[in-house]
């Protein structure tokens, strides 16, 4: 299964998801780091600006990463639920990338 993932290395949730997906031999991960180039950032922002899935995220003042597009076109923030796999426990020393350090990106 091919999965496109938008994220960044400074987001603990993104790092954890990328690592988990990279361990699966049946997943072809196309990882797109939104902080790497302005072209990738613009690509991500096009989804963020035009997809209804981002409306609650924007209302909460969040970025909306990690963001996944599955092979069938499904868009989700919850890759674990979409794939039916258990979400690993986060590293207790990792901080969430929200301003208060408690929420998701």
Protein backbone atom coordinates (compact mmCIF):
# COMPACT_ATOMS: atom_id res chain seq x y z
CA UNK A 1 0.00 0.00 0.00
CA UNK A 2 1.32 3.42 -0.93
CA UNK A 3 0.90 6.22 1.62
CA UNK A 4 1.80 9.87 1.23
CA UNK A 5 2.69 11.50 4.53
CA UNK A 6 3.12 15.22 5.14
CA UNK A 7 5.06 16.06 8.27
CA UNK A 8 8.31 17.40 9.65
CA UNK A 9 11.15 16.16 11.80
CA UNK A 10 10.39 18.75 14.50
CA UNK A 11 6.95 17.24 15.17
CA UNK A 12 7.07 14.29 17.62
CA UNK A 13 3.82 12.82 16.24
CA UNK A 14 5.27 12.92 12.71
CA UNK A 15 8.53 11.30 13.76
CA UNK A 16 6.68 8.51 15.58
CA UNK A 17 4.30 7.85 12.66
CA UNK A 18 7.10 7.90 10.06
CA UNK A 19 9.13 5.45 12.12
CA UNK A 20 6.16 3.13 12.64
CA UNK A 21 5.20 3.13 8.95
CA UNK A 22 8.82 2.60 7.91
CA UNK A 23 8.86 -0.68 9.84
CA UNK A 24 6.07 -2.17 7.75
CA UNK A 25 7.20 -4.12 4.72
CA UNK A 26 3.83 -3.80 2.98
CA UNK A 27 3.80 0.03 3.07
CA UNK A 28 5.50 2.21 0.48
CA UNK A 29 5.88 5.52 2.31
CA UNK A 30 6.20 8.73 0.31
CA UNK A 31 7.29 11.09 3.10
CA UNK A 32 7.06 14.80 2.32
CA UNK A 33 8.77 17.08 4.82
CA UNK A 34 6.91 20.41 4.77
CA UNK A 35 9.98 22.23 6.09
CA UNK A 36 12.31 20.93 3.37
CA UNK A 37 11.22 23.04 0.38
CA UNK A 38 8.69 25.74 -0.30
CA UNK A 39 7.24 23.56 -3.07
CA UNK A 40 6.34 20.83 -0.57
CA UNK A 41 5.01 23.41 1.88
CA UNK A 42 2.81 24.93 -0.86
CA UNK A 43 1.57 21.46 -1.79
CA UNK A 44 0.60 20.78 1.84
CA UNK A 45 -0.98 24.23 2.25
CA UNK A 46 -3.09 23.63 -0.85
CA UNK A 47 -4.66 20.65 0.93
CA UNK A 48 -4.92 22.59 4.19
CA UNK A 49 -6.60 25.54 2.52
CA UNK A 50 -9.10 23.55 0.44
CA UNK A 51 -9.93 20.27 2.21
CA UNK A 52 -12.80 20.19 4.73
CA UNK A 53 -10.89 17.68 6.89
CA UNK A 54 -8.69 20.61 7.97
CA UNK A 55 -11.56 22.87 9.13
CA UNK A 56 -11.56 21.66 12.78
CA UNK A 57 -7.75 21.68 12.82
CA UNK A 58 -7.62 25.30 11.67
CA UNK A 59 -10.29 26.33 14.19
CA UNK A 60 -8.10 24.89 16.96
CA UNK A 61 -5.06 26.77 15.65
CA UNK A 62 -3.18 23.59 14.78
CA UNK A 63 -1.05 22.86 11.71
CA UNK A 64 -2.64 19.53 10.74
CA UNK A 65 0.35 17.21 10.67
CA UNK A 66 0.98 14.41 10.36
CA UNK A 67 -1.39 14.27 7.39
CA UNK A 68 -1.78 11.14 5.28
CA UNK A 69 -3.20 10.33 1.87
CA UNK A 70 -3.83 6.64 1.34
CA UNK A 71 -3.56 4.82 -1.95
CA UNK A 72 -7.34 4.95 -2.45
CA UNK A 73 -7.37 8.74 -1.96
CA UNK A 74 -8.58 8.66 1.64
CA UNK A 75 -7.22 11.60 3.66
CA UNK A 76 -6.66 11.22 7.39
CA UNK A 77 -4.75 12.44 10.42
CA UNK A 78 -5.18 9.05 12.14
CA UNK A 79 -3.02 6.58 10.25
CA UNK A 80 -3.30 4.04 13.04
CA UNK A 81 -7.09 3.95 12.85
CA UNK A 82 -7.04 3.94 9.05
CA UNK A 83 -4.72 0.93 8.96
CA UNK A 84 -6.23 -0.78 12.01
CA UNK A 85 -2.95 -0.88 13.91
CA UNK A 86 -2.20 0.00 17.50
CA UNK A 87 -0.70 3.41 18.12
CA UNK A 88 2.62 3.11 19.93
CA UNK A 89 3.09 4.84 23.26
CA UNK A 90 4.84 8.17 22.82
CA UNK A 91 8.26 8.77 24.31
CA UNK A 92 7.56 10.39 27.69
CA UNK A 93 10.36 12.88 27.07
CA UNK A 94 8.93 14.03 23.73
CA UNK A 95 6.96 17.25 23.72
CA UNK A 96 3.98 17.79 21.49
CA UNK A 97 4.49 20.59 19.03
CA UNK A 98 1.54 22.70 20.15
CA UNK A 99 2.34 25.88 22.03
CA UNK A 100 1.21 24.45 25.36
CA UNK A 101 3.15 21.21 24.81
CA UNK A 102 0.03 19.11 25.39
CA UNK A 103 -1.74 18.84 22.05
CA UNK A 104 -1.06 17.42 18.64
CA UNK A 105 0.30 19.35 15.70
